[in-house]
Amino acid sequence: MWSCACNGWTKGDPLSRLDTVIEWEGFRPLLVQALAKPVKGPGGRPANDPVKMFKLLVVQRYYNLSDEQTEYQVSDRLSFQKFAGWTVADKVPDANTLWDFREALVRADVFEKLFEQFAQQLQAQGLLAQPGKLVDASFVDVPRQRNTRAENATIKAGDVPEAWAETPAKQQQKDVDARWTKKNAAVHYGYKNHVKADAKSKLLERYAVTDASVHDSQKLAELVATADGAVYADSADRSAEAEAMLAQKQVTSQIHERAYRNRPLTDEQKESNRQKSKIRARIEHVFGFMSQSMKGFYLRYIGRRRNAGAIGLINLIYNLARYEQIVRLKLLPRIAA
């Protein structure tokens, strides 16, 4: 369902390479369902094709473009037009149309469904069935809010400052779901992308989105499944509760050992961590692609729902790109008859 025949590979153009292996029509049913509206009567302007619009979102997210830049770049670049299915004679949807389309998908929570649908296809091809999973999380920053301490305290309590309620235009520009956190010397404001990847294929199997203040370990139980075999994670995820949870799910813990005050790691523990790191480090390839190739760790949206949709699309596009690479390098596993 997700691969199509091709006579050659287009070097240097990742979008063309995606087109050679991805059957985009497979996404149409979910897109049509998400965009369904009551019929108001005959007449009116025909709607844009949902698959072509979705491919515009792929372009936007792959290159981390604003709506205005997406409109301009697709109008200006033949490679983008070819990928999305427009021609020079066609009028590319403007920034407002793209925003409306994305908002409709966000309201329908369809990005997670699209990710799950493609993950099921990967599972059927044996690409997510390997024993051993990688679990980690990455910060996704958003524009920082300049609030007073009193306003931040109100937001943390789950309320909206009274002054904002009196000025709706201001409230629309305030993200009450994002949170501040600090890791080492770096300060982050925004959200977290918690992921579980197959240790062999490096394809994402499951993800969860939280605000940036949520500790990685709090999503471990949600991501881990009984059939995972073994779970590799860094020492931040290690705790007695995590070990008990993994044992209950009959999953082997390959979480890094951690040192404590007056209890340094033994030589055996250090060597064990080094061996685990050889496998666990593969998750950094996933985040490296997102941050370097997609510039995906900074988003411009306001609110958890919109940012969760964008993060879900980032994860989906990563899987699409990784799948294309697996097909191109002939790394598909053989499925027993």
C-alpha atoms as a PDB file:
ATOM      1  CA  MET A   1       0.000   0.000   0.000  1.00  0.00           C
ATOM      2  CA  TRP A   2       2.818   2.373   0.830  1.00  0.00           C
ATOM      3  CA  SER A   3       5.347   1.747  -1.904  1.00  0.00           C
ATOM      4  CA  CYS A   4       5.193   2.290  -5.616  1.00  0.00           C
ATOM      5  CA  ALA A   5       7.469   1.290  -8.443  1.00  0.00           C
ATOM      6  CA  CYS A   6      10.082   3.697  -9.701  1.00  0.00           C
ATOM      7  CA  ASN A   7      12.764   3.621 -12.389  1.00  0.00           C
ATOM      8  CA  GLY A   8      15.382   5.673 -10.530  1.00  0.00           C
ATOM      9  CA  TRP A   9      16.112   7.955  -7.630  1.00  0.00           C
ATOM     10  CA  THR A  10      16.177  11.719  -7.694  1.00  0.00           C
ATOM     11  CA  LYS A  11      19.356  12.777  -5.969  1.00  0.00           C
ATOM     12  CA  GLY A  12      19.369  15.868  -3.824  1.00  0.00           C
ATOM     13  CA  ASP A  13      15.584  16.249  -3.633  1.00  0.00           C
ATOM     14  CA  PRO A  14      14.115  14.528  -0.547  1.00  0.00           C
ATOM     15  CA  LEU A  15      10.546  15.319  -1.609  1.00  0.00           C
ATOM     16  CA  SER A  16      10.949  13.551  -4.951  1.00  0.00           C
ATOM     17  CA  ARG A  17      12.449  10.576  -3.152  1.00  0.00           C
ATOM     18  CA  LEU A  18       9.410  10.454  -0.869  1.00  0.00           C
ATOM     19  CA  ASP A  19       7.131  10.471  -3.909  1.00  0.00           C
ATOM     20  CA  THR A  20       8.835   7.366  -5.252  1.00  0.00           C
ATOM     21  CA  VAL A  21       7.867   5.177  -2.273  1.00  0.00           C
ATOM     22  CA  ILE A  22       4.870   6.762  -0.522  1.00  0.00           C
ATOM     23  CA  GLU A  23       1.338   6.158  -1.781  1.00  0.00           C
ATOM     24  CA  TRP A  24      -0.222   9.416  -0.606  1.00  0.00           C
ATOM     25  CA  GLU A  25      -3.717   8.317  -1.549  1.00  0.00           C
ATOM     26  CA  GLY A  26      -3.618   6.022   1.473  1.00  0.00           C
ATOM     27  CA  PHE A  27      -4.066   9.104   3.652  1.00  0.00           C
ATOM     28  CA  ARG A  28      -7.136  10.363   1.775  1.00  0.00           C
ATOM     29  CA  PRO A  29      -9.878   8.595   3.820  1.00  0.00           C
ATOM     30  CA  LEU A  30      -8.703  10.093   7.121  1.00  0.00           C
ATOM     31  CA  LEU A  31      -8.266  13.532   5.563  1.00  0.00           C
ATOM     32  CA  VAL A  32     -11.717  13.472   3.978  1.00  0.00           C
ATOM     33  CA  GLN A  33     -13.268  12.348   7.252  1.00  0.00           C
ATOM     34  CA  ALA A  34     -11.525  15.144   9.164  1.00  0.00           C
ATOM     35  CA  LEU A  35     -12.675  17.787   6.671  1.00  0.00           C
ATOM     36  CA  ALA A  36     -16.283  16.617   6.389  1.00  0.00           C
ATOM     37  CA  LYS A  37     -18.849  19.429   6.679  1.00  0.00           C
ATOM     38  CA  PRO A  38     -22.638  19.543   6.411  1.00  0.00           C
ATOM     39  CA  VAL A  39     -23.780  20.183   2.854  1.00  0.00           C
ATOM     40  CA  LYS A  40     -25.242  23.696   2.595  1.00  0.00           C
ATOM     41  CA  GLY A  41     -26.560  23.400  -0.939  1.00  0.00           C
ATOM     42  CA  PRO A  42     -25.365  23.531  -4.550  1.00  0.00           C
ATOM     43  CA  GLY A  43     -22.876  26.048  -5.823  1.00  0.00           C
ATOM     44  CA  GLY A  44     -19.779  27.508  -4.274  1.00  0.00           C
ATOM     45  CA  ARG A  45     -16.113  27.194  -5.063  1.00  0.00           C
ATOM     46  CA  PRO A  46     -14.785  23.610  -5.314  1.00  0.00           C
ATOM     47  CA  ALA A  47     -12.644  22.624  -2.355  1.00  0.00           C
ATOM     48  CA  ASN A  48      -8.931  22.023  -2.784  1.00  0.00           C
ATOM     49  CA  ASP A  49      -7.899  18.404  -3.029  1.00  0.00           C
ATOM     50  CA  PRO A  50      -7.159  17.229   0.568  1.00  0.00           C
ATOM     51  CA  VAL A  51      -4.171  15.062  -0.419  1.00  0.00           C
ATOM     52  CA  LYS A  52      -2.541  17.934  -2.325  1.00  0.00           C
ATOM     53  CA  MET A  53      -3.182  20.233   0.649  1.00  0.00           C
ATOM     54  CA  PHE A  54      -1.704  17.656   3.007  1.00  0.00           C
ATOM     55  CA  LYS A  55       1.414  17.498   0.860  1.00  0.00           C
ATOM     56  CA  LEU A  56       1.695  21.270   1.248  1.00  0.00           C
ATOM     57  CA  LEU A  57       1.772  20.714   5.001  1.00  0.00           C
ATOM     58  CA  VAL A  58       4.525  18.139   4.483  1.00  0.00           C
ATOM     59  CA  VAL A  59       6.551  20.731   2.561  1.00  0.00           C
ATOM     60  CA  GLN A  60       5.907  23.304   5.257  1.00  0.00           C
ATOM     61  CA  ARG A  61       6.865  21.023   8.106  1.00  0.00           C
ATOM     62  CA  TYR A  62       9.864  19.454   6.340  1.00  0.00           C
ATOM     63  CA  TYR A  63      11.434  22.887   5.876  1.00  0.00           C
ATOM     64  CA  ASN A  64       9.807  24.551   8.917  1.00  0.00           C
ATOM     65  CA  LEU A  65       8.222  27.354   6.906  1.00  0.00           C
ATOM     66  CA  SER A  66       5.593  29.865   7.956  1.00  0.00           C
ATOM     67  CA  ASP A  67       2.270  29.884   6.118  1.00  0.00           C
ATOM     68  CA  GLU A  68       3.340  32.939   4.113  1.00  0.00           C
ATOM     69  CA  GLN A  69       6.703  31.406   3.223  1.00  0.00           C
ATOM     70  CA  THR A  70       5.025  28.153   2.221  1.00  0.00           C
ATOM     71  CA  GLU A  71       2.750  30.033  -0.177  1.00  0.00           C
ATOM     72  CA  TYR A  72       5.705  31.910  -1.672  1.00  0.00           C
ATOM     73  CA  GLN A  73       8.108  28.960  -1.872  1.00  0.00           C
ATOM     74  CA  VAL A  74       5.575  26.614  -3.472  1.00  0.00           C
ATOM     75  CA  SER A  75       4.657  29.332  -5.999  1.00  0.00           C
ATOM     76  CA  ASP A  76       8.328  29.962  -6.723  1.00  0.00           C
ATOM     77  CA  ARG A  77       9.882  26.478  -6.769  1.00  0.00           C
ATOM     78  CA  LEU A  78       9.043  23.934  -9.434  1.00  0.00           C
ATOM     79  CA  SER A  79      10.226  21.039  -7.250  1.00  0.00           C
ATOM     80  CA  PHE A  80       7.710  21.982  -4.539  1.00  0.00           C
ATOM     81  CA  GLN A  81       4.929  22.365  -7.117  1.00  0.00           C
ATOM     82  CA  LYS A  82       5.703  18.980  -8.637  1.00  0.00           C
ATOM     83  CA  PHE A  83       5.685  17.286  -5.251  1.00  0.00           C
ATOM     84  CA  ALA A  84       2.407  18.878  -4.144  1.00  0.00           C
ATOM     85  CA  GLY A  85       0.711  18.268  -7.504  1.00  0.00           C
ATOM     86  CA  TRP A  86       0.325  21.831  -8.755  1.00  0.00           C
ATOM     87  CA  THR A  87       1.483  23.217 -12.090  1.00  0.00           C
ATOM     88  CA  VAL A  88       2.756  26.623 -13.120  1.00  0.00           C
ATOM     89  CA  ALA A  89      -0.718  27.393 -14.495  1.00  0.00           C
ATOM     90  CA  ASP A  90      -2.427  26.621 -11.175  1.00  0.00           C
ATOM     91  CA  LYS A  91      -2.998  29.103  -8.382  1.00  0.00           C
ATOM     92  CA  VAL A  92      -1.330  27.809  -5.247  1.00  0.00           C
ATOM     93  CA  PRO A  93      -3.527  28.086  -2.116  1.00  0.00           C
ATOM     94  CA  ASP A  94      -2.680  31.193  -0.143  1.00  0.00           C
ATOM     95  CA  ALA A  95      -1.476  31.364   3.457  1.00  0.00           C
ATOM     96  CA  ASN A  96      -4.994  31.784   4.879  1.00  0.00           C
ATOM     97  CA  THR A  97      -6.260  28.723   3.018  1.00  0.00           C
ATOM     98  CA  LEU A  98      -3.335  26.679   4.324  1.00  0.00           C
ATOM     99  CA  TRP A  99      -4.010  27.896   7.871  1.00  0.00           C
ATOM    100  CA  ASP A 100      -7.702  26.967   7.610  1.00  0.00           C
ATOM    101  CA  PHE A 101      -6.826  23.497   6.316  1.00  0.00           C
ATOM    102  CA  ARG A 102      -4.339  22.837   9.112  1.00  0.00           C
ATOM    103  CA  GLU A 103      -6.750  24.147  11.748  1.00  0.00           C
ATOM    104  CA  ALA A 104      -9.448  21.752  10.505  1.00  0.00           C
ATOM    105  CA  LEU A 105      -7.038  18.835  10.887  1.00  0.00           C
ATOM    106  CA  VAL A 106      -6.013  20.024  14.351  1.00  0.00           C
ATOM    107  CA  ARG A 107      -9.649  20.246  15.482  1.00  0.00           C
ATOM    108  CA  ALA A 108     -10.202  16.686  14.239  1.00  0.00           C
ATOM    109  CA  ASP A 109      -7.053  15.418  16.018  1.00  0.00           C
ATOM    110  CA  VAL A 110      -6.168  13.695  12.772  1.00  0.00           C
ATOM    111  CA  PHE A 111      -2.354  13.977  12.875  1.00  0.00           C
ATOM    112  CA  GLU A 112      -2.065  11.275  15.521  1.00  0.00           C
ATOM    113  CA  LYS A 113      -4.420   9.070  13.481  1.00  0.00           C
ATOM    114  CA  LEU A 114      -2.308   9.572  10.363  1.00  0.00           C
ATOM    115  CA  PHE A 115       0.811   8.637  12.322  1.00  0.00           C
ATOM    116  CA  GLU A 116      -0.850   5.508  13.702  1.00  0.00           C
ATOM    117  CA  GLN A 117      -2.127   4.473  10.277  1.00  0.00           C
ATOM    118  CA  PHE A 118       1.345   4.622   8.762  1.00  0.00           C
ATOM    119  CA  ALA A 119       2.832   2.875  11.825  1.00  0.00           C
ATOM    120  CA  GLN A 120       0.417  -0.003  11.238  1.00  0.00           C
ATOM    121  CA  GLN A 121       1.726  -0.328   7.682  1.00  0.00           C
ATOM    122  CA  LEU A 122       5.290  -0.365   8.992  1.00  0.00           C
ATOM    123  CA  GLN A 123       4.286  -3.027  11.509  1.00  0.00           C
ATOM    124  CA  ALA A 124       2.813  -5.161   8.735  1.00  0.00           C
ATOM    125  CA  GLN A 125       6.121  -4.990   6.868  1.00  0.00           C
ATOM    126  CA  GLY A 126       8.042  -6.151   9.934  1.00  0.00           C
ATOM    127  CA  LEU A 127       9.770  -2.826  10.482  1.00  0.00           C
ATOM    128  CA  LEU A 128       8.439  -2.333  14.017  1.00  0.00           C
ATOM    129  CA  ALA A 129       8.369  -5.977  15.056  1.00  0.00           C
ATOM    130  CA  GLN A 130      12.008  -6.226  16.092  1.00  0.00           C
ATOM    131  CA  PRO A 131      12.811  -6.842  19.786  1.00  0.00           C
ATOM    132  CA  GLY A 132      14.283  -3.814  21.510  1.00  0.00           C
ATOM    133  CA  LYS A 133      12.895  -0.282  21.760  1.00  0.00           C
ATOM    134  CA  LEU A 134      14.494   3.117  22.298  1.00  0.00           C
ATOM    135  CA  VAL A 135      12.734   5.638  24.544  1.00  0.00           C
ATOM    136  CA  ASP A 136      13.703   9.282  24.869  1.00  0.00           C
ATOM    137  CA  ALA A 137      12.290  12.804  24.705  1.00  0.00           C
ATOM    138  CA  SER A 138      13.249  16.103  23.129  1.00  0.00           C
ATOM    139  CA  PHE A 139      12.278  19.686  23.847  1.00  0.00           C
ATOM    140  CA  VAL A 140      10.204  21.547  21.274  1.00  0.00           C
ATOM    141  CA  ASP A 141      10.516  25.282  21.893  1.00  0.00           C
ATOM    142  CA  VAL A 142       7.843  27.859  21.071  1.00  0.00           C
ATOM    143  CA  PRO A 143       7.899  31.685  21.194  1.00  0.00           C
ATOM    144  CA  ARG A 144       8.585  32.731  24.766  1.00  0.00           C
ATOM    145  CA  GLN A 145       5.867  34.542  26.672  1.00  0.00           C
ATOM    146  CA  ARG A 146       6.703  37.742  28.544  1.00  0.00           C
ATOM    147  CA  ASN A 147       4.378  37.425  31.507  1.00  0.00           C
ATOM    148  CA  THR A 148       4.554  38.790  35.013  1.00  0.00           C
ATOM    149  CA  ARG A 149       5.195  36.453  37.935  1.00  0.00           C
ATOM    150  CA  ALA A 150       1.600  36.845  39.026  1.00  0.00           C
ATOM    151  CA  GLU A 151       0.365  35.914  35.549  1.00  0.00           C
ATOM    152  CA  ASN A 152       2.622  32.855  35.465  1.00  0.00           C
ATOM    153  CA  ALA A 153       1.357  31.758  38.862  1.00  0.00           C
ATOM    154  CA  THR A 154      -2.231  32.051  37.663  1.00  0.00           C
ATOM    155  CA  ILE A 155      -1.443  30.038  34.523  1.00  0.00           C
ATOM    156  CA  LYS A 156       0.261  27.283  36.532  1.00  0.00           C
ATOM    157  CA  ALA A 157      -2.841  27.085  38.700  1.00  0.00           C
ATOM    158  CA  GLY A 158      -4.869  26.340  35.581  1.00  0.00           C
ATOM    159  CA  ASP A 159      -6.593  29.721  35.333  1.00  0.00           C
ATOM    160  CA  VAL A 160      -6.432  32.649  32.917  1.00  0.00           C
ATOM    161  CA  PRO A 161      -5.361  36.077  34.243  1.00  0.00           C
ATOM    162  CA  GLU A 162      -8.338  38.417  34.557  1.00  0.00           C
ATOM    163  CA  ALA A 163      -6.663  41.144  32.497  1.00  0.00           C
ATOM    164  CA  TRP A 164      -6.354  38.748  29.544  1.00  0.00           C
ATOM    165  CA  ALA A 165     -10.032  37.809  29.702  1.00  0.00           C
ATOM    166  CA  GLU A 166     -10.882  41.486  29.245  1.00  0.00           C
ATOM    167  CA  THR A 167      -8.724  41.713  26.107  1.00  0.00           C
ATOM    168  CA  PRO A 168      -9.499  38.689  23.881  1.00  0.00           C
ATOM    169  CA  ALA A 169      -7.008  39.795  21.231  1.00  0.00           C
ATOM    170  CA  LYS A 170      -4.187  39.583  23.770  1.00  0.00           C
ATOM    171  CA  GLN A 171      -5.380  36.257  25.160  1.00  0.00           C
ATOM    172  CA  GLN A 172      -5.286  34.719  21.680  1.00  0.00           C
ATOM    173  CA  GLN A 173      -1.551  35.418  21.549  1.00  0.00           C
ATOM    174  CA  LYS A 174      -0.843  33.807  24.929  1.00  0.00           C
ATOM    175  CA  ASP A 175       0.114  30.156  25.287  1.00  0.00           C
ATOM    176  CA  VAL A 176      -1.268  28.951  28.614  1.00  0.00           C
ATOM    177  CA  ASP A 177      -0.253  25.322  27.979  1.00  0.00           C
ATOM    178  CA  ALA A 178       3.502  25.683  27.412  1.00  0.00           C
ATOM    179  CA  ARG A 179       5.831  25.591  30.422  1.00  0.00           C
ATOM    180  CA  TRP A 180       9.343  26.672  31.375  1.00  0.00           C
ATOM    181  CA  THR A 181      12.050  24.222  32.352  1.00  0.00           C
ATOM    182  CA  LYS A 182      15.814  24.093  32.633  1.00  0.00           C
ATOM    183  CA  LYS A 183      18.168  21.285  31.654  1.00  0.00           C
ATOM    184  CA  ASN A 184      21.774  21.808  32.616  1.00  0.00           C
ATOM    185  CA  ALA A 185      22.487  25.378  31.498  1.00  0.00           C
ATOM    186  CA  ALA A 186      19.815  25.493  28.785  1.00  0.00           C
ATOM    187  CA  VAL A 187      16.415  27.087  29.424  1.00  0.00           C
ATOM    188  CA  HIS A 188      13.426  25.842  27.418  1.00  0.00           C
ATOM    189  CA  TYR A 189       9.878  27.079  27.018  1.00  0.00           C
ATOM    190  CA  GLY A 190       7.354  24.947  25.230  1.00  0.00           C
ATOM    191  CA  TYR A 191       6.654  21.242  24.939  1.00  0.00           C
ATOM    192  CA  LYS A 192       8.246  17.803  24.872  1.00  0.00           C
ATOM    193  CA  ASN A 193       8.129  15.103  22.236  1.00  0.00           C
ATOM    194  CA  HIS A 194       8.331  11.723  24.022  1.00  0.00           C
ATOM    195  CA  VAL A 195       8.996   8.929  21.531  1.00  0.00           C
ATOM    196  CA  LYS A 196       9.553   5.179  21.324  1.00  0.00           C
ATOM    197  CA  ALA A 197      11.527   3.918  18.350  1.00  0.00           C
ATOM    198  CA  ASP A 198      12.401   0.480  17.041  1.00  0.00           C
ATOM    199  CA  ALA A 199      16.042  -0.195  17.965  1.00  0.00           C
ATOM    200  CA  LYS A 200      16.879  -1.769  14.598  1.00  0.00           C
ATOM    201  CA  SER A 201      14.925   0.258  12.037  1.00  0.00           C
ATOM    202  CA  LYS A 202      14.970   3.561  13.994  1.00  0.00           C
ATOM    203  CA  LEU A 203      11.325   4.073  13.005  1.00  0.00           C
ATOM    204  CA  LEU A 204       8.996   5.690  15.537  1.00  0.00           C
ATOM    205  CA  GLU A 205       6.325   3.401  16.931  1.00  0.00           C
ATOM    206  CA  ARG A 206       4.577   5.627  19.454  1.00  0.00           C
ATOM    207  CA  TYR A 207       4.800   9.159  20.831  1.00  0.00           C
ATOM    208  CA  ALA A 208       3.306  11.438  23.472  1.00  0.00           C
ATOM    209  CA  VAL A 209       3.275  15.240  23.747  1.00  0.00           C
ATOM    210  CA  THR A 210       3.509  17.086  27.060  1.00  0.00           C
ATOM    211  CA  ASP A 211       4.558  20.508  28.245  1.00  0.00           C
ATOM    212  CA  ALA A 212       8.311  20.964  28.725  1.00  0.00           C
ATOM    213  CA  SER A 213       8.202  20.633  32.520  1.00  0.00           C
ATOM    214  CA  VAL A 214       7.079  16.981  32.472  1.00  0.00           C
ATOM    215  CA  HIS A 215       9.937  14.618  33.347  1.00  0.00           C
ATOM    216  CA  ASP A 216      10.860  11.981  30.768  1.00  0.00           C
ATOM    217  CA  SER A 217      10.160   9.140  33.203  1.00  0.00           C
ATOM    218  CA  GLN A 218       6.513  10.170  33.621  1.00  0.00           C
ATOM    219  CA  LYS A 219       5.673   8.948  30.109  1.00  0.00           C
ATOM    220  CA  LEU A 220       7.712   5.740  30.187  1.00  0.00           C
ATOM    221  CA  ALA A 221       4.815   3.482  31.231  1.00  0.00           C
ATOM    222  CA  GLU A 222       2.559   4.975  28.537  1.00  0.00           C
ATOM    223  CA  LEU A 223       5.095   4.306  25.793  1.00  0.00           C
ATOM    224  CA  VAL A 224       6.237   0.815  26.800  1.00  0.00           C
ATOM    225  CA  ALA A 225       4.221  -2.241  25.729  1.00  0.00           C
ATOM    226  CA  THR A 226       4.420  -5.884  26.781  1.00  0.00           C
ATOM    227  CA  ALA A 227       5.795  -7.041  23.416  1.00  0.00           C
ATOM    228  CA  ASP A 228       8.724  -4.614  23.416  1.00  0.00           C
ATOM    229  CA  GLY A 229      11.274  -7.194  24.550  1.00  0.00           C
ATOM    230  CA  ALA A 230      13.829  -4.736  25.916  1.00  0.00           C
ATOM    231  CA  VAL A 231      13.794  -0.987  26.499  1.00  0.00           C
ATOM    232  CA  TYR A 232      16.850   1.249  26.175  1.00  0.00           C
ATOM    233  CA  ALA A 233      16.741   4.634  27.882  1.00  0.00           C
ATOM    234  CA  ASP A 234      19.097   6.994  29.653  1.00  0.00           C
ATOM    235  CA  SER A 235      19.576   7.180  33.411  1.00  0.00           C
ATOM    236  CA  ALA A 236      16.914   9.886  33.826  1.00  0.00           C
ATOM    237  CA  ASP A 237      14.287   7.177  33.328  1.00  0.00           C
ATOM    238  CA  ARG A 238      15.727   4.809  35.931  1.00  0.00           C
ATOM    239  CA  SER A 239      13.837   4.355  39.198  1.00  0.00           C
ATOM    240  CA  ALA A 240      12.461   1.569  41.336  1.00  0.00           C
ATOM    241  CA  GLU A 241       8.998   2.297  39.957  1.00  0.00           C
ATOM    242  CA  ALA A 242      10.233   2.085  36.359  1.00  0.00           C
ATOM    243  CA  GLU A 243      12.004  -1.209  36.991  1.00  0.00           C
ATOM    244  CA  ALA A 244       8.881  -2.656  38.617  1.00  0.00           C
ATOM    245  CA  MET A 245       6.716  -1.495  35.702  1.00  0.00           C
ATOM    246  CA  LEU A 246       9.048  -3.104  33.152  1.00  0.00           C
ATOM    247  CA  ALA A 247       9.148  -6.344  35.130  1.00  0.00           C
ATOM    248  CA  GLN A 248       5.345  -6.417  35.280  1.00  0.00           C
ATOM    249  CA  LYS A 249       5.177  -6.007  31.480  1.00  0.00           C
ATOM    250  CA  GLN A 250       7.872  -8.691  31.080  1.00  0.00           C
ATOM    251  CA  VAL A 251      10.201  -6.234  29.378  1.00  0.00           C
ATOM    252  CA  THR A 252      13.958  -6.394  29.952  1.00  0.00           C
ATOM    253  CA  SER A 253      15.338  -3.172  31.379  1.00  0.00           C
ATOM    254  CA  GLN A 254      18.306  -1.766  29.477  1.00  0.00           C
ATOM    255  CA  ILE A 255      18.028   1.614  31.186  1.00  0.00           C
ATOM    256  CA  HIS A 256      21.357   3.164  32.098  1.00  0.00           C
ATOM    257  CA  GLU A 257      22.561   2.799  35.656  1.00  0.00           C
ATOM    258  CA  ARG A 258      22.849   6.076  37.513  1.00  0.00           C
ATOM    259  CA  ALA A 259      25.225   7.261  40.191  1.00  0.00           C
ATOM    260  CA  TYR A 260      24.076   8.752  43.479  1.00  0.00           C
ATOM    261  CA  ARG A 261      25.745  10.903  46.082  1.00  0.00           C
ATOM    262  CA  ASN A 262      28.485   8.873  47.802  1.00  0.00           C
ATOM    263  CA  ARG A 263      27.562   5.920  45.553  1.00  0.00           C
ATOM    264  CA  PRO A 264      29.558   6.217  42.317  1.00  0.00           C
ATOM    265  CA  LEU A 265      29.155   3.708  39.533  1.00  0.00           C
ATOM    266  CA  THR A 266      31.298   0.597  39.705  1.00  0.00           C
ATOM    267  CA  ASP A 267      33.532  -0.388  36.794  1.00  0.00           C
ATOM    268  CA  GLU A 268      31.022  -3.111  35.914  1.00  0.00           C
ATOM    269  CA  GLN A 269      28.162  -0.607  35.829  1.00  0.00           C
ATOM    270  CA  LYS A 270      30.183   1.794  33.664  1.00  0.00           C
ATOM    271  CA  GLU A 271      30.964  -0.996  31.208  1.00  0.00           C
ATOM    272  CA  SER A 272      27.290  -2.008  31.185  1.00  0.00           C
ATOM    273  CA  ASN A 273      26.312   1.572  30.382  1.00  0.00           C
ATOM    274  CA  ARG A 274      28.832   1.700  27.537  1.00  0.00           C
ATOM    275  CA  GLN A 275      27.362  -1.424  25.979  1.00  0.00           C
ATOM    276  CA  LYS A 276      23.824  -0.056  26.324  1.00  0.00           C
ATOM    277  CA  SER A 277      24.890   3.254  24.779  1.00  0.00           C
ATOM    278  CA  LYS A 278      25.928   1.521  21.550  1.00  0.00           C
ATOM    279  CA  ILE A 279      22.250   0.770  20.953  1.00  0.00           C
ATOM    280  CA  ARG A 280      20.581   3.640  22.798  1.00  0.00           C
ATOM    281  CA  ALA A 281      22.584   6.222  20.824  1.00  0.00           C
ATOM    282  CA  ARG A 282      20.525   5.367  17.741  1.00  0.00           C
ATOM    283  CA  ILE A 283      17.664   7.480  19.099  1.00  0.00           C
ATOM    284  CA  GLU A 284      19.919  10.513  18.685  1.00  0.00           C
ATOM    285  CA  HIS A 285      19.880   9.854  14.935  1.00  0.00           C
ATOM    286  CA  VAL A 286      16.110  10.345  15.043  1.00  0.00           C
ATOM    287  CA  PHE A 287      16.290  13.662  16.866  1.00  0.00           C
ATOM    288  CA  GLY A 288      19.274  14.701  14.763  1.00  0.00           C
ATOM    289  CA  PHE A 289      17.212  14.362  11.587  1.00  0.00           C
ATOM    290  CA  MET A 290      14.359  16.339  13.109  1.00  0.00           C
ATOM    291  CA  SER A 291      16.581  19.167  14.336  1.00  0.00           C
ATOM    292  CA  GLN A 292      19.036  19.368  11.428  1.00  0.00           C
ATOM    293  CA  SER A 293      17.145  18.271   8.310  1.00  0.00           C
ATOM    294  CA  MET A 294      13.707  19.493   9.410  1.00  0.00           C
ATOM    295  CA  LYS A 295      14.654  22.265  11.860  1.00  0.00           C
ATOM    296  CA  GLY A 296      11.762  20.869  13.829  1.00  0.00           C
ATOM    297  CA  PHE A 297      12.569  21.789  17.414  1.00  0.00           C
ATOM    298  CA  TYR A 298      11.117  25.298  17.172  1.00  0.00           C
ATOM    299  CA  LEU A 299       7.435  25.844  16.375  1.00  0.00           C
ATOM    300  CA  ARG A 300       5.439  29.034  15.911  1.00  0.00           C
ATOM    301  CA  TYR A 301       2.054  27.830  17.149  1.00  0.00           C
ATOM    302  CA  ILE A 302       0.080  28.777  20.243  1.00  0.00           C
ATOM    303  CA  GLY A 303      -1.523  26.189  22.520  1.00  0.00           C
ATOM    304  CA  ARG A 304      -1.006  22.520  23.198  1.00  0.00           C
ATOM    305  CA  ARG A 305      -3.468  21.258  20.598  1.00  0.00           C
ATOM    306  CA  ARG A 306      -1.824  23.031  17.663  1.00  0.00           C
ATOM    307  CA  ASN A 307       1.685  22.183  18.793  1.00  0.00           C
ATOM    308  CA  ALA A 308       0.720  18.549  19.429  1.00  0.00           C
ATOM    309  CA  GLY A 309      -0.572  18.395  15.853  1.00  0.00           C
ATOM    310  CA  ALA A 310       2.669  19.872  14.517  1.00  0.00           C
ATOM    311  CA  ILE A 311       4.771  17.467  16.596  1.00  0.00           C
ATOM    312  CA  GLY A 312       2.676  14.546  15.365  1.00  0.00           C
ATOM    313  CA  LEU A 313       3.304  15.671  11.775  1.00  0.00           C
ATOM    314  CA  ILE A 314       7.034  15.964  12.463  1.00  0.00           C
ATOM    315  CA  ASN A 315       7.056  12.388  13.759  1.00  0.00           C
ATOM    316  CA  LEU A 316       5.078  11.168  10.761  1.00  0.00           C
ATOM    317  CA  ILE A 317       7.365  12.911   8.265  1.00  0.00           C
ATOM    318  CA  TYR A 318      10.400  11.448  10.015  1.00  0.00           C
ATOM    319  CA  ASN A 319       8.901   7.969   9.571  1.00  0.00           C
ATOM    320  CA  LEU A 320       8.123   8.672   5.918  1.00  0.00           C
ATOM    321  CA  ALA A 321      11.681   9.846   5.278  1.00  0.00           C
ATOM    322  CA  ARG A 322      13.242   6.973   7.215  1.00  0.00           C
ATOM    323  CA  TYR A 323      11.040   4.477   5.380  1.00  0.00           C
ATOM    324  CA  GLU A 324      12.152   5.939   2.047  1.00  0.00           C
ATOM    325  CA  GLN A 325      15.771   5.482   3.118  1.00  0.00           C
ATOM    326  CA  ILE A 326      15.141   1.874   4.178  1.00  0.00           C
ATOM    327  CA  VAL A 327      13.542   1.079   0.802  1.00  0.00           C
ATOM    328  CA  ARG A 328      16.274   2.876  -1.140  1.00  0.00           C
ATOM    329  CA  LEU A 329      19.041   1.048   0.719  1.00  0.00           C
ATOM    330  CA  LYS A 330      17.166  -2.263   0.407  1.00  0.00           C
ATOM    331  CA  LEU A 331      16.959  -2.805   4.156  1.00  0.00           C
ATOM    332  CA  LEU A 332      13.395  -4.136   4.229  1.00  0.00           C
ATOM    333  CA  PRO A 333      13.170  -7.310   6.338  1.00  0.00           C
ATOM    334  CA  ARG A 334      11.997 -10.540   4.766  1.00  0.00           C
ATOM    335  CA  ILE A 335       8.536 -11.522   5.994  1.00  0.00           C
ATOM    336  CA  ALA A 336       8.060 -15.245   6.520  1.00  0.00           C
ATOM    337  CA  ALA A 337       5.228 -16.696   4.456  1.00  0.00           C
END
